[in-house]
Amino acid sequence: MSANTPPKKKVVVTGKKSPPTAASRARRSESSGTDEPLLYGRTHYMIMGAGILLIALGFMLMAGGNMPDPEVWDESIIYSGRRIILAPIVILAGLGLEIYAIFKRS
């Protein structure tokens, strides 16, 4: 070392705290997870499931529209009442049910 360089400083740790390990973090998350109540109850999840089923049913109602003959255009297959009116209403009912399930009080 040269005469102009200051001496290196030594860091002294006085406490016995070690950094948290993965095992200690897992134990802490397991113990804290059981103390808190669940945000939604069983009825909320049942209503949410029904809403998801309604949305899926609406998309199934909207599917299809395959022409039997590619040379012939049939508007009644593509623009049927089931696809234009019923399916969107069922999807919106499912979305409304999801919103109701989220905001429903226990």
Protein backbone atom coordinates (compact mmCIF):
# COMPACT_ATOMS: atom_id res chain seq x y z
CA MET A 1 0.00 0.00 0.00
CA SER A 2 1.07 3.49 -0.66
CA ALA A 3 1.26 6.17 1.97
CA ASN A 4 -1.70 8.13 0.47
CA THR A 5 -4.24 5.25 0.59
CA PRO A 6 -6.46 5.22 3.69
CA PRO A 7 -6.60 1.97 5.65
CA LYS A 8 -9.52 -0.41 5.00
CA LYS A 9 -12.40 -0.25 7.43
CA LYS A 10 -13.58 -3.33 9.25
CA VAL A 11 -17.32 -4.02 9.65
CA VAL A 12 -18.29 -5.57 12.94
CA VAL A 13 -21.73 -7.19 13.37
CA THR A 14 -22.95 -7.14 16.95
CA GLY A 15 -26.26 -9.01 16.61
CA LYS A 16 -26.81 -12.70 15.85
CA LYS A 17 -29.46 -12.03 13.16
CA SER A 18 -28.89 -14.03 10.05
CA PRO A 19 -30.65 -13.38 6.73
CA PRO A 20 -33.93 -15.30 6.35
CA THR A 21 -33.63 -18.62 4.61
CA ALA A 22 -36.18 -20.22 2.32
CA ALA A 23 -37.25 -22.62 5.08
CA SER A 24 -37.89 -19.84 7.57
CA ARG A 25 -39.87 -17.87 4.97
CA ALA A 26 -41.98 -20.96 4.20
CA ARG A 27 -42.69 -21.55 7.88
CA ARG A 28 -43.67 -17.92 8.36
CA SER A 29 -46.04 -17.98 5.34
CA GLU A 30 -47.62 -21.26 6.49
CA SER A 31 -48.30 -19.97 9.97
CA SER A 32 -49.64 -16.61 8.83
CA GLY A 33 -51.85 -18.15 6.11
CA THR A 34 -53.97 -20.14 8.55
CA ASP A 35 -54.65 -17.24 10.92
CA GLU A 36 -56.40 -15.06 8.33
CA PRO A 37 -60.00 -15.83 7.38
CA LEU A 38 -60.79 -16.56 3.74
CA LEU A 39 -62.00 -13.63 1.68
CA TYR A 40 -64.91 -15.53 0.10
CA GLY A 41 -67.06 -18.31 1.46
CA ARG A 42 -68.38 -21.48 -0.14
CA THR A 43 -71.51 -19.77 -1.50
CA HIS A 44 -69.41 -17.11 -3.23
CA TYR A 45 -67.40 -19.76 -5.05
CA MET A 46 -70.54 -21.67 -5.99
CA ILE A 47 -72.05 -18.51 -7.52
CA MET A 48 -68.77 -17.76 -9.32
CA GLY A 49 -68.73 -21.29 -10.73
CA ALA A 50 -72.29 -20.88 -11.97
CA GLY A 51 -71.30 -17.60 -13.65
CA ILE A 52 -68.35 -19.26 -15.39
CA LEU A 53 -70.64 -22.06 -16.59
CA LEU A 54 -73.12 -19.51 -17.96
CA ILE A 55 -70.35 -17.70 -19.83
CA ALA A 56 -69.08 -20.99 -21.28
CA LEU A 57 -72.64 -21.95 -22.27
CA GLY A 58 -73.05 -18.60 -24.04
CA PHE A 59 -69.88 -19.16 -26.06
CA MET A 60 -71.04 -22.66 -26.95
CA LEU A 61 -74.35 -21.25 -28.16
CA MET A 62 -72.47 -18.73 -30.28
CA ALA A 63 -70.20 -21.36 -31.85
CA GLY A 64 -70.90 -23.13 -35.10
CA GLY A 65 -72.26 -21.64 -38.29
CA ASN A 66 -70.62 -24.10 -40.66
CA MET A 67 -72.21 -24.02 -44.09
CA PRO A 68 -73.22 -27.44 -45.44
CA ASP A 69 -72.21 -26.39 -48.97
CA PRO A 70 -69.30 -23.92 -49.37
CA GLU A 71 -70.82 -22.65 -52.64
CA VAL A 72 -74.15 -21.59 -51.06
CA TRP A 73 -74.53 -18.70 -48.60
CA ASP A 74 -77.33 -19.18 -46.07
CA GLU A 75 -77.91 -16.19 -43.78
CA SER A 76 -80.25 -18.13 -41.50
CA ILE A 77 -77.33 -20.30 -40.32
CA ILE A 78 -74.92 -17.47 -39.53
CA TYR A 79 -77.40 -14.84 -38.34
CA SER A 80 -79.73 -17.06 -36.32
CA GLY A 81 -81.49 -15.78 -33.22
CA ARG A 82 -79.52 -18.19 -31.10
CA ARG A 83 -76.20 -16.62 -32.09
CA ILE A 84 -77.28 -12.99 -32.32
CA ILE A 85 -79.71 -12.66 -29.38
CA LEU A 86 -79.62 -15.63 -27.00
CA ALA A 87 -75.85 -16.22 -26.71
CA PRO A 88 -74.90 -12.61 -25.83
CA ILE A 89 -77.72 -12.46 -23.26
CA VAL A 90 -76.45 -15.66 -21.62
CA ILE A 91 -72.87 -14.33 -21.57
CA LEU A 92 -73.97 -11.03 -20.03
CA ALA A 93 -76.02 -12.93 -17.43
CA GLY A 94 -72.90 -14.91 -16.53
CA LEU A 95 -70.85 -11.73 -16.19
CA GLY A 96 -73.59 -10.20 -14.04
CA LEU A 97 -73.57 -13.29 -11.84
CA GLU A 98 -69.79 -12.99 -11.44
CA ILE A 99 -70.12 -9.34 -10.39
CA TYR A 100 -72.86 -10.27 -7.93
CA ALA A 101 -70.71 -13.05 -6.44
CA ILE A 102 -67.77 -10.68 -5.96
CA PHE A 103 -69.78 -7.93 -4.27
CA LYS A 104 -72.12 -10.17 -2.24
CA ARG A 105 -71.70 -9.77 1.49
CA SER A 106 -71.20 -12.85 3.62
